[in-house]
Each structure stands twice: as C-alpha cells, then as structure tokens.
C-alpha atoms as a PDB file:
ATOM      1  CA  UNK A   1      18.107 -21.031 -43.539  1.00  0.00           C
ATOM      2  CA  UNK A   2      21.109 -20.473 -41.481  1.00  0.00           C
ATOM      3  CA  UNK A   3      20.936 -16.439 -41.847  1.00  0.00           C
ATOM      4  CA  UNK A   4      17.480 -16.299 -41.359  1.00  0.00           C
ATOM      5  CA  UNK A   5      18.136 -18.260 -37.951  1.00  0.00           C
ATOM      6  CA  UNK A   6      20.829 -15.845 -37.038  1.00  0.00           C
ATOM      7  CA  UNK A   7      18.221 -13.054 -37.950  1.00  0.00           C
ATOM      8  CA  UNK A   8      15.628 -14.107 -36.009  1.00  0.00           C
ATOM      9  CA  UNK A   9      18.076 -14.843 -32.819  1.00  0.00           C
ATOM     10  CA  UNK A  10      19.148 -11.649 -32.581  1.00  0.00           C
ATOM     11  CA  UNK A  11      15.990 -10.136 -33.226  1.00  0.00           C
ATOM     12  CA  UNK A  12      14.734 -11.985 -30.243  1.00  0.00           C
ATOM     13  CA  UNK A  13      18.049 -11.033 -28.404  1.00  0.00           C
ATOM     14  CA  UNK A  14      17.227  -7.465 -29.307  1.00  0.00           C
ATOM     15  CA  UNK A  15      13.423  -7.565 -28.245  1.00  0.00           C
ATOM     16  CA  UNK A  16      14.245  -9.280 -24.933  1.00  0.00           C
ATOM     17  CA  UNK A  17      17.447  -6.678 -24.104  1.00  0.00           C
ATOM     18  CA  UNK A  18      15.684  -3.333 -25.154  1.00  0.00           C
ATOM     19  CA  UNK A  19      14.733  -1.205 -22.133  1.00  0.00           C
ATOM     20  CA  UNK A  20      10.881   0.268 -22.253  1.00  0.00           C
ATOM     21  CA  UNK A  21      11.348   3.741 -22.699  1.00  0.00           C
ATOM     22  CA  UNK A  22       7.982   3.939 -20.164  1.00  0.00           C
ATOM     23  CA  UNK A  23      10.066   2.115 -17.637  1.00  0.00           C
ATOM     24  CA  UNK A  24      13.472   4.257 -18.287  1.00  0.00           C
ATOM     25  CA  UNK A  25      10.944   7.161 -17.887  1.00  0.00           C
ATOM     26  CA  UNK A  26       9.698   5.820 -14.396  1.00  0.00           C
ATOM     27  CA  UNK A  27      13.276   5.391 -13.276  1.00  0.00           C
ATOM     28  CA  UNK A  28      14.571   8.538 -14.374  1.00  0.00           C
ATOM     29  CA  UNK A  29      11.649  10.575 -12.259  1.00  0.00           C
ATOM     30  CA  UNK A  30      12.214   8.429  -9.617  1.00  0.00           C
ATOM     31  CA  UNK A  31      15.884   9.207  -9.189  1.00  0.00           C
ATOM     32  CA  UNK A  32      14.960  13.048  -9.864  1.00  0.00           C
ATOM     33  CA  UNK A  33      12.315  12.544  -7.152  1.00  0.00           C
ATOM     34  CA  UNK A  34      14.901  10.958  -4.717  1.00  0.00           C
ATOM     35  CA  UNK A  35      17.449  13.793  -5.560  1.00  0.00           C
ATOM     36  CA  UNK A  36      14.325  16.195  -4.994  1.00  0.00           C
ATOM     37  CA  UNK A  37      13.229  14.904  -1.962  1.00  0.00           C
ATOM     38  CA  UNK A  38      16.848  15.024  -0.426  1.00  0.00           C
ATOM     39  CA  UNK A  39      17.368  18.580  -1.216  1.00  0.00           C
ATOM     40  CA  UNK A  40      14.413  19.058   0.644  1.00  0.00           C
ATOM     41  CA  UNK A  41      15.333  16.783   3.763  1.00  0.00           C
ATOM     42  CA  UNK A  42      18.818  18.233   3.950  1.00  0.00           C
ATOM     43  CA  UNK A  43      19.462  20.746   1.402  1.00  0.00           C
ATOM     44  CA  UNK A  44      21.614  23.221   2.362  1.00  0.00           C
ATOM     45  CA  UNK A  45      18.891  26.663   1.614  1.00  0.00           C
ATOM     46  CA  UNK A  46      15.920  23.834   1.210  1.00  0.00           C
ATOM     47  CA  UNK A  47      12.883  24.272   3.014  1.00  0.00           C
ATOM     48  CA  UNK A  48      14.019  22.275   6.272  1.00  0.00           C
ATOM     49  CA  UNK A  49      17.218  24.299   6.562  1.00  0.00           C
ATOM     50  CA  UNK A  50      15.304  27.411   6.789  1.00  0.00           C
ATOM     51  CA  UNK A  51      12.553  26.064   9.183  1.00  0.00           C
ATOM     52  CA  UNK A  52      15.382  25.091  11.530  1.00  0.00           C
ATOM     53  CA  UNK A  53      17.022  28.587  11.139  1.00  0.00           C
ATOM     54  CA  UNK A  54      13.560  30.013  11.663  1.00  0.00           C
ATOM     55  CA  UNK A  55      12.933  28.098  15.028  1.00  0.00           C
ATOM     56  CA  UNK A  56      16.231  29.299  16.234  1.00  0.00           C
ATOM     57  CA  UNK A  57      15.383  32.861  15.763  1.00  0.00           C
ATOM     58  CA  UNK A  58      11.852  32.010  17.425  1.00  0.00           C
ATOM     59  CA  UNK A  59      10.157  33.175  14.055  1.00  0.00           C
ATOM     60  CA  UNK A  60       7.605  30.534  13.988  1.00  0.00           C
ATOM     61  CA  UNK A  61       5.709  32.392  10.887  1.00  0.00           C
ATOM     62  CA  UNK A  62       9.035  32.168   9.236  1.00  0.00           C
ATOM     63  CA  UNK A  63       9.145  28.395  10.202  1.00  0.00           C
ATOM     64  CA  UNK A  64       5.444  27.767   9.070  1.00  0.00           C
ATOM     65  CA  UNK A  65       5.981  29.121   5.644  1.00  0.00           C
ATOM     66  CA  UNK A  66       9.040  27.227   5.379  1.00  0.00           C
ATOM     67  CA  UNK A  67       6.757  24.070   6.164  1.00  0.00           C
ATOM     68  CA  UNK A  68       4.324  25.042   3.490  1.00  0.00           C
ATOM     69  CA  UNK A  69       7.114  25.425   0.876  1.00  0.00           C
ATOM     70  CA  UNK A  70       8.047  21.859   1.961  1.00  0.00           C
ATOM     71  CA  UNK A  71       4.630  20.662   1.717  1.00  0.00           C
ATOM     72  CA  UNK A  72       4.377  22.088  -1.676  1.00  0.00           C
ATOM     73  CA  UNK A  73       7.765  20.443  -2.820  1.00  0.00           C
ATOM     74  CA  UNK A  74       6.354  17.219  -1.788  1.00  0.00           C
ATOM     75  CA  UNK A  75       3.346  17.493  -3.413  1.00  0.00           C
ATOM     76  CA  UNK A  76       5.045  18.148  -6.626  1.00  0.00           C
ATOM     77  CA  UNK A  77       7.022  15.128  -6.498  1.00  0.00           C
ATOM     78  CA  UNK A  78       4.065  12.879  -5.673  1.00  0.00           C
ATOM     79  CA  UNK A  79       2.120  14.549  -8.593  1.00  0.00           C
ATOM     80  CA  UNK A  80       4.909  14.195 -11.240  1.00  0.00           C
ATOM     81  CA  UNK A  81       4.960  10.089 -10.370  1.00  0.00           C
ATOM     82  CA  UNK A  82       1.519  10.246 -10.046  1.00  0.00           C
ATOM     83  CA  UNK A  83       1.481  12.054 -13.837  1.00  0.00           C
ATOM     84  CA  UNK A  84       3.247   9.061 -15.617  1.00  0.00           C
ATOM     85  CA  UNK A  85       1.826   6.748 -17.609  1.00  0.00           C
ATOM     86  CA  UNK A  86       3.426   3.011 -17.061  1.00  0.00           C
ATOM     87  CA  UNK A  87       0.939   0.875 -18.688  1.00  0.00           C
ATOM     88  CA  UNK A  88       2.258  -2.419 -20.137  1.00  0.00           C
ATOM     89  CA  UNK A  89       5.273  -1.775 -17.947  1.00  0.00           C
ATOM     90  CA  UNK A  90       5.729  -5.109 -15.539  1.00  0.00           C
ATOM     91  CA  UNK A  91       6.216  -3.851 -11.996  1.00  0.00           C
ATOM     92  CA  UNK A  92       5.706  -0.238 -12.916  1.00  0.00           C
ATOM     93  CA  UNK A  93       2.226   0.072 -11.187  1.00  0.00           C
ATOM     94  CA  UNK A  94       3.683  -1.812  -8.364  1.00  0.00           C
ATOM     95  CA  UNK A  95       6.232   0.604  -7.961  1.00  0.00           C
ATOM     96  CA  UNK A  96       4.883   3.969  -8.369  1.00  0.00           C
ATOM     97  CA  UNK A  97       1.907   2.873  -6.034  1.00  0.00           C
ATOM     98  CA  UNK A  98       4.887   2.471  -3.746  1.00  0.00           C
ATOM     99  CA  UNK A  99       6.477   5.333  -4.521  1.00  0.00           C
ATOM    100  CA  UNK A 100       3.958   7.717  -4.114  1.00  0.00           C
ATOM    101  CA  UNK A 101       2.811   5.857  -0.430  1.00  0.00           C
ATOM    102  CA  UNK A 102       6.276   6.476   0.546  1.00  0.00           C
ATOM    103  CA  UNK A 103       6.905   9.845  -0.164  1.00  0.00           C
ATOM    104  CA  UNK A 104       2.871  10.559   0.955  1.00  0.00           C
ATOM    105  CA  UNK A 105       4.024   9.191   4.560  1.00  0.00           C
ATOM    106  CA  UNK A 106       7.414  11.008   4.645  1.00  0.00           C
ATOM    107  CA  UNK A 107       5.303  14.240   4.052  1.00  0.00           C
ATOM    108  CA  UNK A 108       2.668  13.403   6.527  1.00  0.00           C
ATOM    109  CA  UNK A 109       5.881  13.150   8.903  1.00  0.00           C
ATOM    110  CA  UNK A 110       7.692  16.233   7.907  1.00  0.00           C
ATOM    111  CA  UNK A 111       4.131  18.243   8.066  1.00  0.00           C
ATOM    112  CA  UNK A 112       3.638  16.911  11.809  1.00  0.00           C
ATOM    113  CA  UNK A 113       6.208  19.502  12.342  1.00  0.00           C
ATOM    114  CA  UNK A 114       3.249  22.184  12.205  1.00  0.00           C
ATOM    115  CA  UNK A 115       1.801  20.951  15.209  1.00  0.00           C
ATOM    116  CA  UNK A 116       5.456  20.791  16.937  1.00  0.00           C
ATOM    117  CA  UNK A 117       5.757  24.497  16.322  1.00  0.00           C
ATOM    118  CA  UNK A 118       2.620  25.476  17.604  1.00  0.00           C
ATOM    119  CA  UNK A 119       3.116  23.710  20.819  1.00  0.00           C
ATOM    120  CA  UNK A 120       7.153  25.239  21.010  1.00  0.00           C
ATOM    121  CA  UNK A 121       5.618  28.615  20.537  1.00  0.00           C
ATOM    122  CA  UNK A 122       2.954  28.078  23.310  1.00  0.00           C
ATOM    123  CA  UNK A 123       5.734  26.690  25.904  1.00  0.00           C
ATOM    124  CA  UNK A 124       7.470  30.096  25.043  1.00  0.00           C
ATOM    125  CA  UNK A 125       4.796  32.025  25.685  1.00  0.00           C
ATOM    126  CA  UNK A 126       5.406  34.181  28.824  1.00  0.00           C
ATOM    127  CA  UNK A 127       1.824  34.346  29.313  1.00  0.00           C
ATOM    128  CA  UNK A 128       0.882  30.680  29.795  1.00  0.00           C
ATOM    129  CA  UNK A 129       0.164  29.387  32.954  1.00  0.00           C
ATOM    130  CA  UNK A 130       1.795  26.782  34.533  1.00  0.00           C
ATOM    131  CA  UNK A 131      -1.002  24.484  33.578  1.00  0.00           C
ATOM    132  CA  UNK A 132      -0.525  25.379  29.960  1.00  0.00           C
ATOM    133  CA  UNK A 133       3.219  24.500  29.875  1.00  0.00           C
ATOM    134  CA  UNK A 134       2.294  21.254  31.707  1.00  0.00           C
ATOM    135  CA  UNK A 135      -0.054  20.079  28.726  1.00  0.00           C
ATOM    136  CA  UNK A 136       2.390  21.101  26.218  1.00  0.00           C
ATOM    137  CA  UNK A 137       4.752  19.214  27.727  1.00  0.00           C
ATOM    138  CA  UNK A 138       2.400  16.276  27.601  1.00  0.00           C
ATOM    139  CA  UNK A 139       1.346  17.218  23.970  1.00  0.00           C
ATOM    140  CA  UNK A 140       5.105  16.774  22.913  1.00  0.00           C
ATOM    141  CA  UNK A 141       5.549  13.432  24.539  1.00  0.00           C
ATOM    142  CA  UNK A 142       2.599  12.180  22.538  1.00  0.00           C
ATOM    143  CA  UNK A 143       3.615  14.118  19.253  1.00  0.00           C
ATOM    144  CA  UNK A 144       7.297  12.475  19.876  1.00  0.00           C
ATOM    145  CA  UNK A 145       5.443   8.925  20.196  1.00  0.00           C
ATOM    146  CA  UNK A 146       3.648   9.728  16.865  1.00  0.00           C
ATOM    147  CA  UNK A 147       6.119  10.489  15.350  1.00  0.00           C
ATOM    148  CA  UNK A 148       8.187   7.475  16.151  1.00  0.00           C
ATOM    149  CA  UNK A 149       5.216   5.361  15.032  1.00  0.00           C
ATOM    150  CA  UNK A 150       5.099   7.323  11.573  1.00  0.00           C
ATOM    151  CA  UNK A 151       9.074   6.688  11.363  1.00  0.00           C
ATOM    152  CA  UNK A 152       8.627   2.698  11.831  1.00  0.00           C
ATOM    153  CA  UNK A 153       5.580   3.614   8.798  1.00  0.00           C
ATOM    154  CA  UNK A 154       8.056   5.200   6.770  1.00  0.00           C
ATOM    155  CA  UNK A 155      10.554   2.352   7.257  1.00  0.00           C
ATOM    156  CA  UNK A 156       8.308  -0.258   5.944  1.00  0.00           C
ATOM    157  CA  UNK A 157       7.089   1.738   3.191  1.00  0.00           C
ATOM    158  CA  UNK A 158      10.862   2.583   2.180  1.00  0.00           C
ATOM    159  CA  UNK A 159      11.888  -1.305   2.227  1.00  0.00           C
ATOM    160  CA  UNK A 160       8.777  -2.292   0.255  1.00  0.00           C
ATOM    161  CA  UNK A 161       9.701   0.451  -2.409  1.00  0.00           C
ATOM    162  CA  UNK A 162      13.532  -0.883  -2.507  1.00  0.00           C
ATOM    163  CA  UNK A 163      11.847  -4.267  -2.949  1.00  0.00           C
ATOM    164  CA  UNK A 164       9.788  -3.440  -5.991  1.00  0.00           C
ATOM    165  CA  UNK A 165      12.463  -1.220  -7.639  1.00  0.00           C
ATOM    166  CA  UNK A 166      14.661  -4.446  -7.480  1.00  0.00           C
ATOM    167  CA  UNK A 167      12.140  -6.807  -8.810  1.00  0.00           C
ATOM    168  CA  UNK A 168      11.116  -3.737 -11.389  1.00  0.00           C
ATOM    169  CA  UNK A 169      14.656  -2.837 -12.087  1.00  0.00           C
ATOM    170  CA  UNK A 170      15.739  -6.582 -12.840  1.00  0.00           C
ATOM    171  CA  UNK A 171      12.367  -7.598 -14.949  1.00  0.00           C
ATOM    172  CA  UNK A 172      12.411  -4.295 -17.123  1.00  0.00           C
ATOM    173  CA  UNK A 173      16.585  -4.755 -17.500  1.00  0.00           C
ATOM    174  CA  UNK A 174      17.679  -1.303 -16.034  1.00  0.00           C
ATOM    175  CA  UNK A 175      20.339  -2.865 -13.436  1.00  0.00           C
END
C-alpha cells in the first residue's frame, strides 16, 4: 500500500512538472522570432542597415528594396508564429495572439519608412518648388507624429506580450 501511494505521488508530481511539448515549441519559436527581429532591426548587414546605407548614398530604389526585404522577414516571423498548433496549452492562444499583434505593429512602423523615403526623395529633388518642399516638410512632421503614436502602441503591445509570456511560462513550468 505504501509503495502504491509513493508511486501515485511520483506519477502526479511528474505530470505536474512535465512541460508540454507544444508549450516548449511555442516558447522556442518566440525566442527565435525575437532573435530574427533583432537581426532585422539592428543586425550587421541586416535589412535596416542596408536601408540606412542606401539612404546615405541617396539610392532610394535600393532603400525601398531593403524595406521590402524587411517586410518579407517580418511576414515570415508572423506566419511561423501563426502556423503553430497550440491547442490545449494554457495561455498559448493568448501568447500567440499577443506576439502576432506586437510583431505586426512593429512591422507597420517599419513599413512607414516607405513614405519617409518618398518624402525625402521629394525634398532632395532639385526640380521641386518651394511650395512642394514646404508641403514635404509638413508631411514629414505629420509622419513623425504618426510614428510617435505607433511607438506608444508598440510599447503597449510589448508590455501585454511580456505579461502574457510571464503567465504562460509560469503556468507551463518554463521559468
């Protein structure tokens, strides 16, 4: 009888302590996504660095191509997260939604660079009139204000992602 109780106690402990394979997989994909996005944004020879080099060289076509590459990389990250099957994983769906929402918002901010490049191109065009340049300056100011609002939204989404991830890790024993 004592051995039976010990066996059941150990079995229950193992079941509680075991990590769900799907939870571990989601955690791994999110960690990889974080590294990928970091490389997109600040990685050496990443799309963002290429974009900046192109802008410095006033090669706007090249800069736009780098933004296209950045968009494809973000889409890949979002699609990988979206494709995960996380049924029966506590807080898994919440974490998946929060991550997709965060990366999509970050992507939208980065894609606003297209408009910024177009405005910069207009401002550097020697054929532009004073009125066109004044309008460009006004549009650049508006774009900066929009980007500020987008950054606030991204911060909110990042905080939500962090909170959901903390709960997910705790519940799924991934600390």
